[in-house]
Amino acid sequence: MAEKLKVQHVPLKIYRSTDRLMVAVPMPGLEPEDIQAEVTDDNRLILQGELRGSLKEIKELLLDEWSVGGYYREVTLPDNVDAERANLSYGNGVFVLTFPLSGQTVPARLTMEKVGVAHGQRSGNAGQLS
């Protein structure tokens, strides 16, 4: 009988500058294509990360003090944002979303392009990517 993967409620950090809203989320152990973000028309941010079998080769788990994926979080953003112009990055297990502030929320479903092992990004002109 296969063990069902538990979904973890991930913590967030939300920052605001004069023209942007930034959200940082720890989601270790995933590849960029395993992460989905959506901003809904009612200004909710939905984050999901799905582990796709990277631990299948492990035969016997001896100690389990933390888990890799799946992740889920839903939160109302404190400001209206233009999600279509969002920048996304994923590296060192941290997913960062940068949204331009907007007069009204522009919803979008967001994914990243893989740019390296466990690294991804999407440039939507919300700000600079280093």
N, C-alpha and C. Protein backbone atom coordinates (compact mmCIF):
# COMPACT_ATOMS: atom_id res chain seq x y z
N MET A 1 0.84 -1.18 0.00
CA MET A 1 0.00 0.00 0.00
C MET A 1 0.89 1.24 0.00
N ALA A 2 0.69 2.13 -0.94
CA ALA A 2 1.51 3.34 -1.05
C ALA A 2 1.11 4.34 0.02
N GLU A 3 2.11 4.97 0.61
CA GLU A 3 1.86 5.99 1.62
C GLU A 3 1.50 7.31 0.94
N LYS A 4 0.42 7.91 1.38
CA LYS A 4 -0.02 9.18 0.79
C LYS A 4 0.88 10.30 1.30
N LEU A 5 1.35 11.13 0.37
CA LEU A 5 2.23 12.23 0.71
C LEU A 5 1.44 13.33 1.41
N LYS A 6 1.92 13.77 2.56
CA LYS A 6 1.24 14.84 3.26
C LYS A 6 1.59 16.19 2.64
N VAL A 7 0.64 17.10 2.68
CA VAL A 7 0.83 18.43 2.13
C VAL A 7 1.14 19.37 3.29
N GLN A 8 2.21 20.15 3.12
CA GLN A 8 2.65 21.05 4.18
C GLN A 8 2.17 22.48 3.93
N HIS A 9 1.79 23.14 4.99
CA HIS A 9 1.43 24.55 4.98
C HIS A 9 2.74 25.33 5.08
N VAL A 10 3.14 26.02 4.02
CA VAL A 10 4.45 26.68 4.00
C VAL A 10 4.36 28.09 4.58
N PRO A 11 5.40 28.53 5.29
CA PRO A 11 5.44 29.90 5.81
C PRO A 11 5.79 30.89 4.70
N LEU A 12 5.38 32.13 4.87
CA LEU A 12 5.63 33.17 3.88
C LEU A 12 6.32 34.37 4.51
N LYS A 13 7.04 35.10 3.69
CA LYS A 13 7.49 36.46 4.02
C LYS A 13 6.95 37.33 2.90
N ILE A 14 6.27 38.42 3.25
CA ILE A 14 5.74 39.34 2.25
C ILE A 14 6.34 40.71 2.53
N TYR A 15 6.93 41.30 1.49
CA TYR A 15 7.57 42.61 1.58
C TYR A 15 6.90 43.56 0.59
N ARG A 16 6.93 44.86 0.92
CA ARG A 16 6.40 45.86 -0.01
C ARG A 16 7.42 46.98 -0.15
N SER A 17 7.62 47.42 -1.40
CA SER A 17 8.40 48.62 -1.67
C SER A 17 7.42 49.63 -2.26
N THR A 18 7.92 50.73 -2.77
CA THR A 18 7.02 51.76 -3.30
C THR A 18 6.25 51.29 -4.52
N ASP A 19 6.80 50.33 -5.29
CA ASP A 19 6.12 49.91 -6.51
C ASP A 19 5.97 48.40 -6.68
N ARG A 20 6.40 47.61 -5.69
CA ARG A 20 6.36 46.16 -5.81
C ARG A 20 5.93 45.48 -4.52
N LEU A 21 5.40 44.27 -4.70
CA LEU A 21 5.09 43.39 -3.58
C LEU A 21 5.89 42.11 -3.82
N MET A 22 6.65 41.67 -2.83
CA MET A 22 7.49 40.49 -2.96
C MET A 22 7.07 39.44 -1.94
N VAL A 23 7.03 38.19 -2.39
CA VAL A 23 6.66 37.07 -1.53
C VAL A 23 7.78 36.04 -1.62
N ALA A 24 8.29 35.60 -0.47
CA ALA A 24 9.34 34.57 -0.41
C ALA A 24 8.78 33.36 0.33
N VAL A 25 9.01 32.17 -0.24
CA VAL A 25 8.42 30.94 0.28
C VAL A 25 9.46 29.82 0.25
N PRO A 26 9.80 29.22 1.39
CA PRO A 26 10.71 28.07 1.34
C PRO A 26 9.97 26.83 0.82
N MET A 27 10.48 26.25 -0.26
CA MET A 27 9.90 25.04 -0.85
C MET A 27 11.04 24.11 -1.28
N PRO A 28 11.84 23.62 -0.33
CA PRO A 28 13.00 22.82 -0.70
C PRO A 28 12.64 21.47 -1.33
N GLY A 29 13.54 21.01 -2.17
CA GLY A 29 13.43 19.67 -2.73
C GLY A 29 12.64 19.56 -4.02
N LEU A 30 12.20 20.67 -4.59
CA LEU A 30 11.40 20.63 -5.81
C LEU A 30 12.20 21.10 -7.01
N GLU A 31 11.69 20.83 -8.17
CA GLU A 31 12.19 21.39 -9.41
C GLU A 31 11.23 22.51 -9.79
N PRO A 32 11.69 23.51 -10.56
CA PRO A 32 10.83 24.65 -10.91
C PRO A 32 9.50 24.24 -11.54
N GLU A 33 9.51 23.20 -12.36
CA GLU A 33 8.27 22.78 -13.00
C GLU A 33 7.27 22.15 -12.04
N ASP A 34 7.70 21.86 -10.80
CA ASP A 34 6.81 21.30 -9.79
C ASP A 34 6.07 22.37 -9.00
N ILE A 35 6.35 23.64 -9.27
CA ILE A 35 5.78 24.75 -8.50
C ILE A 35 4.77 25.49 -9.35
N GLN A 36 3.61 25.76 -8.76
CA GLN A 36 2.56 26.53 -9.43
C GLN A 36 2.14 27.67 -8.53
N ALA A 37 1.90 28.82 -9.13
CA ALA A 37 1.38 29.98 -8.39
C ALA A 37 0.23 30.55 -9.19
N GLU A 38 -0.76 31.04 -8.49
CA GLU A 38 -1.90 31.68 -9.15
C GLU A 38 -2.35 32.86 -8.31
N VAL A 39 -2.62 33.97 -8.98
CA VAL A 39 -3.28 35.10 -8.35
C VAL A 39 -4.68 35.14 -8.95
N THR A 40 -5.67 35.10 -8.08
CA THR A 40 -7.06 35.08 -8.54
C THR A 40 -7.59 36.50 -8.66
N ASP A 41 -8.73 36.65 -9.33
CA ASP A 41 -9.29 37.98 -9.51
C ASP A 41 -9.75 38.64 -8.21
N ASP A 42 -9.89 37.85 -7.13
CA ASP A 42 -10.22 38.43 -5.83
C ASP A 42 -8.97 38.62 -4.95
N ASN A 43 -7.78 38.69 -5.61
CA ASN A 43 -6.51 39.03 -4.96
C ASN A 43 -5.98 37.97 -4.00
N ARG A 44 -6.29 36.70 -4.27
CA ARG A 44 -5.75 35.61 -3.47
C ARG A 44 -4.55 35.01 -4.19
N LEU A 45 -3.51 34.71 -3.43
CA LEU A 45 -2.33 34.03 -3.96
C LEU A 45 -2.42 32.58 -3.53
N ILE A 46 -2.36 31.66 -4.50
CA ILE A 46 -2.40 30.23 -4.24
C ILE A 46 -1.07 29.64 -4.70
N LEU A 47 -0.37 29.00 -3.78
CA LEU A 47 0.93 28.39 -4.07
C LEU A 47 0.84 26.88 -3.86
N GLN A 48 1.38 26.12 -4.82
CA GLN A 48 1.40 24.67 -4.71
C GLN A 48 2.74 24.14 -5.19
N GLY A 49 3.25 23.16 -4.49
CA GLY A 49 4.47 22.48 -4.91
C GLY A 49 4.27 20.99 -4.75
N GLU A 50 4.53 20.26 -5.81
CA GLU A 50 4.28 18.82 -5.81
C GLU A 50 5.58 18.06 -6.02
N LEU A 51 5.89 17.18 -5.11
CA LEU A 51 7.06 16.32 -5.24
C LEU A 51 6.72 15.20 -6.21
N ARG A 52 7.57 15.00 -7.20
CA ARG A 52 7.27 14.00 -8.23
C ARG A 52 8.23 12.83 -8.21
N GLY A 53 8.27 12.14 -7.09
CA GLY A 53 8.96 10.86 -7.06
C GLY A 53 10.45 10.86 -6.86
N SER A 54 11.06 11.95 -6.40
CA SER A 54 12.52 11.94 -6.26
C SER A 54 13.00 11.02 -5.14
N LEU A 55 12.12 10.59 -4.27
CA LEU A 55 12.53 9.71 -3.17
C LEU A 55 12.09 8.26 -3.39
N LYS A 56 11.68 7.93 -4.60
CA LYS A 56 11.18 6.58 -4.88
C LYS A 56 12.23 5.50 -4.68
N GLU A 57 13.51 5.82 -4.83
CA GLU A 57 14.56 4.82 -4.72
C GLU A 57 14.90 4.47 -3.27
N ILE A 58 14.44 5.27 -2.31
CA ILE A 58 14.74 4.99 -0.91
C ILE A 58 13.90 3.80 -0.45
N LYS A 59 14.55 2.80 0.07
CA LYS A 59 13.87 1.57 0.48
C LYS A 59 13.43 1.59 1.94
N GLU A 60 14.22 2.25 2.80
CA GLU A 60 13.91 2.23 4.22
C GLU A 60 14.22 3.60 4.82
N LEU A 61 13.20 4.29 5.29
CA LEU A 61 13.36 5.59 5.92
C LEU A 61 13.72 5.36 7.38
N LEU A 62 14.89 5.84 7.80
CA LEU A 62 15.36 5.57 9.15
C LEU A 62 15.07 6.70 10.13
N LEU A 63 15.03 7.93 9.64
CA LEU A 63 14.72 9.07 10.50
C LEU A 63 14.00 10.09 9.63
N ASP A 64 12.88 10.64 10.11
CA ASP A 64 12.05 11.54 9.31
C ASP A 64 11.67 12.75 10.13
N GLU A 65 12.55 13.75 10.20
CA GLU A 65 12.29 14.95 11.00
C GLU A 65 11.83 16.14 10.17
N TRP A 66 11.90 16.04 8.84
CA TRP A 66 11.37 17.09 7.97
C TRP A 66 10.99 16.44 6.65
N SER A 67 10.12 17.11 5.93
CA SER A 67 9.61 16.54 4.69
C SER A 67 9.94 17.42 3.49
N VAL A 68 10.08 16.78 2.34
CA VAL A 68 10.28 17.47 1.07
C VAL A 68 8.94 17.40 0.34
N GLY A 69 8.33 18.59 0.05
CA GLY A 69 7.06 18.64 -0.69
C GLY A 69 6.02 17.74 -0.05
N GLY A 70 4.84 17.67 -0.52
CA GLY A 70 4.12 18.67 -1.24
C GLY A 70 3.83 19.88 -0.35
N TYR A 71 3.65 20.98 -1.03
CA TYR A 71 3.43 22.24 -0.33
C TYR A 71 2.15 22.90 -0.83
N TYR A 72 1.49 23.64 0.06
CA TYR A 72 0.30 24.38 -0.32
C TYR A 72 0.15 25.58 0.61
N ARG A 73 -0.25 26.70 0.01
CA ARG A 73 -0.55 27.89 0.82
C ARG A 73 -1.47 28.79 0.02
N GLU A 74 -2.44 29.35 0.70
CA GLU A 74 -3.35 30.30 0.08
C GLU A 74 -3.46 31.49 1.03
N VAL A 75 -3.32 32.70 0.48
CA VAL A 75 -3.34 33.91 1.30
C VAL A 75 -3.90 35.06 0.47
N THR A 76 -4.58 35.99 1.14
CA THR A 76 -5.02 37.21 0.47
C THR A 76 -3.86 38.19 0.47
N LEU A 77 -3.51 38.70 -0.70
CA LEU A 77 -2.42 39.67 -0.79
C LEU A 77 -2.87 41.01 -0.22
N PRO A 78 -1.96 41.75 0.42
CA PRO A 78 -2.33 43.02 1.06
C PRO A 78 -2.56 44.17 0.09
N ASP A 79 -2.15 44.00 -1.17
CA ASP A 79 -2.29 45.05 -2.19
C ASP A 79 -2.71 44.41 -3.50
N ASN A 80 -3.29 45.21 -4.39
CA ASN A 80 -3.58 44.76 -5.74
C ASN A 80 -2.27 44.66 -6.52
N VAL A 81 -2.14 43.59 -7.32
CA VAL A 81 -0.92 43.36 -8.09
C VAL A 81 -1.28 43.00 -9.53
N ASP A 82 -0.31 43.18 -10.42
CA ASP A 82 -0.42 42.75 -11.81
C ASP A 82 0.35 41.44 -11.94
N ALA A 83 -0.36 40.33 -11.79
CA ALA A 83 0.30 39.02 -11.79
C ALA A 83 0.85 38.65 -13.17
N GLU A 84 0.28 39.19 -14.24
CA GLU A 84 0.79 38.90 -15.59
C GLU A 84 2.21 39.41 -15.78
N ARG A 85 2.60 40.42 -15.02
CA ARG A 85 3.95 41.00 -15.15
C ARG A 85 4.87 40.57 -14.01
N ALA A 86 4.52 39.51 -13.31
CA ALA A 86 5.31 39.04 -12.17
C ALA A 86 6.63 38.44 -12.62
N ASN A 87 7.65 38.60 -11.79
CA ASN A 87 8.91 37.89 -11.93
C ASN A 87 8.91 36.77 -10.90
N LEU A 88 9.36 35.58 -11.30
CA LEU A 88 9.46 34.44 -10.39
C LEU A 88 10.88 33.92 -10.43
N SER A 89 11.36 33.47 -9.29
CA SER A 89 12.66 32.80 -9.27
C SER A 89 12.62 31.70 -8.22
N TYR A 90 13.42 30.66 -8.46
CA TYR A 90 13.53 29.55 -7.53
C TYR A 90 14.99 29.12 -7.49
N GLY A 91 15.56 29.15 -6.32
CA GLY A 91 16.94 28.72 -6.14
C GLY A 91 17.21 28.48 -4.67
N ASN A 92 18.06 27.54 -4.38
CA ASN A 92 18.40 27.18 -2.99
C ASN A 92 17.15 26.86 -2.18
N GLY A 93 16.13 26.31 -2.84
CA GLY A 93 14.92 25.88 -2.15
C GLY A 93 13.95 26.99 -1.80
N VAL A 94 14.19 28.20 -2.29
CA VAL A 94 13.32 29.34 -1.96
C VAL A 94 12.68 29.85 -3.26
N PHE A 95 11.36 29.98 -3.23
CA PHE A 95 10.56 30.49 -4.33
C PHE A 95 10.25 31.96 -4.03
N VAL A 96 10.61 32.86 -4.96
CA VAL A 96 10.39 34.30 -4.76
C VAL A 96 9.53 34.82 -5.90
N LEU A 97 8.46 35.51 -5.54
CA LEU A 97 7.56 36.14 -6.50
C LEU A 97 7.65 37.64 -6.30
N THR A 98 7.79 38.39 -7.39
CA THR A 98 7.83 39.85 -7.33
C THR A 98 6.74 40.38 -8.26
N PHE A 99 5.79 41.08 -7.67
CA PHE A 99 4.64 41.61 -8.42
C PHE A 99 4.70 43.12 -8.47
N PRO A 100 4.41 43.74 -9.63
CA PRO A 100 4.23 45.19 -9.62
C PRO A 100 2.89 45.52 -8.97
N LEU A 101 2.87 46.57 -8.15
CA LEU A 101 1.62 47.02 -7.57
C LEU A 101 0.74 47.57 -8.70
N SER A 102 -0.57 47.49 -8.53
CA SER A 102 -1.48 47.85 -9.60
C SER A 102 -2.74 48.49 -9.01
N GLY A 103 -3.43 49.29 -9.81
CA GLY A 103 -4.69 49.89 -9.39
C GLY A 103 -5.76 48.85 -9.14
N GLN A 104 -5.73 47.75 -9.90
CA GLN A 104 -6.63 46.63 -9.67
C GLN A 104 -5.87 45.35 -9.96
N THR A 105 -6.32 44.26 -9.35
CA THR A 105 -5.63 42.99 -9.52
C THR A 105 -5.80 42.46 -10.94
N VAL A 106 -4.66 42.05 -11.52
CA VAL A 106 -4.65 41.37 -12.82
C VAL A 106 -4.29 39.92 -12.51
N PRO A 107 -5.26 38.99 -12.60
CA PRO A 107 -4.99 37.60 -12.24
C PRO A 107 -4.14 36.89 -13.29
N ALA A 108 -3.48 35.82 -12.87
CA ALA A 108 -2.69 35.00 -13.79
C ALA A 108 -2.28 33.70 -13.11
N ARG A 109 -2.09 32.65 -13.91
CA ARG A 109 -1.47 31.41 -13.45
C ARG A 109 -0.01 31.49 -13.88
N LEU A 110 0.88 31.22 -12.95
CA LEU A 110 2.30 31.46 -13.18
C LEU A 110 3.11 30.18 -13.06
N THR A 111 4.01 29.97 -14.01
CA THR A 111 4.96 28.87 -13.96
C THR A 111 6.33 29.41 -14.34
N MET A 112 7.35 28.60 -14.13
CA MET A 112 8.72 29.02 -14.43
C MET A 112 9.33 28.15 -15.49
N GLU A 113 10.37 28.69 -16.12
CA GLU A 113 11.21 27.91 -17.02
C GLU A 113 12.42 27.45 -16.23
N LYS A 114 12.81 26.22 -16.43
CA LYS A 114 13.99 25.67 -15.76
C LYS A 114 15.23 26.30 -16.38
N VAL A 115 16.13 26.82 -15.53
CA VAL A 115 17.36 27.43 -16.02
C VAL A 115 18.60 26.71 -15.49
N GLY A 116 18.39 25.64 -14.74
CA GLY A 116 19.49 24.85 -14.19
C GLY A 116 18.90 23.84 -13.24
N VAL A 117 19.74 23.00 -12.66
CA VAL A 117 19.27 22.00 -11.71
C VAL A 117 18.67 22.71 -10.51
N ALA A 118 17.40 22.45 -10.24
CA ALA A 118 16.66 23.04 -9.12
C ALA A 118 16.67 24.57 -9.14
N HIS A 119 16.76 25.16 -10.34
CA HIS A 119 16.68 26.61 -10.49
C HIS A 119 15.70 26.93 -11.61
N GLY A 120 14.91 27.97 -11.40
CA GLY A 120 13.96 28.37 -12.42
C GLY A 120 13.67 29.84 -12.32
N GLN A 121 13.07 30.39 -13.38
CA GLN A 121 12.71 31.80 -13.36
C GLN A 121 11.64 32.08 -14.38
N ARG A 122 11.00 33.21 -14.21
CA ARG A 122 10.06 33.77 -15.18
C ARG A 122 10.23 35.28 -15.09
N SER A 123 10.48 35.93 -16.19
CA SER A 123 10.65 37.38 -16.21
C SER A 123 9.39 38.01 -16.77
N GLY A 124 8.72 38.79 -15.95
CA GLY A 124 7.51 39.46 -16.38
C GLY A 124 7.61 40.96 -16.27
N ASN A 125 8.82 41.48 -16.07
CA ASN A 125 9.10 42.92 -16.01
C ASN A 125 8.64 43.60 -14.73
N ALA A 126 8.48 42.87 -13.64
CA ALA A 126 8.09 43.47 -12.37
C ALA A 126 9.26 44.13 -11.68
N GLY A 127 10.46 43.76 -12.02
CA GLY A 127 11.65 44.29 -11.37
C GLY A 127 12.87 43.59 -11.93
N GLN A 128 13.98 43.85 -11.35
CA GLN A 128 15.23 43.30 -11.86
C GLN A 128 15.46 41.90 -11.32
N LEU A 129 16.00 41.04 -12.17
CA LEU A 129 16.46 39.74 -11.75
C LEU A 129 17.97 39.77 -11.73
N SER A 130 18.55 39.30 -10.66
CA SER A 130 20.01 39.28 -10.57
C SER A 130 20.55 38.06 -11.26
